[in-house]
Amino acid sequence: MIVIPNEVRLHYLIPSRIKDAQINQTVTNPTHRRDINFDDYAAGLFLRRFDTCFILVDARQETPTAPQVIESAFTFNPELIENIPNDNVLAVLERCANEFGVDINIGNQRGRFFQNAEITVPLERVRTHSAGF
């Protein structure tokens, strides 16, 4: 089962004119996909080519039996990714972020796409809670 929250519909689908049926097709029958698992929690990037565009969908699933909840969806022209293999969905996401995203800071790094980032927290800023030990 696929769930599209109202916020996703309002901020992603309506402005981009993406239809619910296209989201369903992209998730259930993607051209390419990338699964990212964290214990029982799973995230998936789904890419599907339609006649005139690609749609990239980010979906999350809290447990294997839970519904897939759509977190975001993007549509773009095929020319955007013509020089990268579209079977590498993470590379497609990176291209979209670099093309359409905004710069953010993570730790002392600045950019639009971070596959890995390291944040150093000074020890004097770390608080612990003692249970009387």
Foldseek 3Di string as FASTA:
>chain_A
DEAEDPVQCVPACVVQVNDPVNVVCQVVPAPAKDWDDDPQKIWMWTWHDDDFWIKIWIWIANGPPGHTYTDYMDIDGPVLCPPDPVNPVVVVVVSCQQVPNDWDDDANDIDRDDPDDDHDDPPVPDDDDDPPD
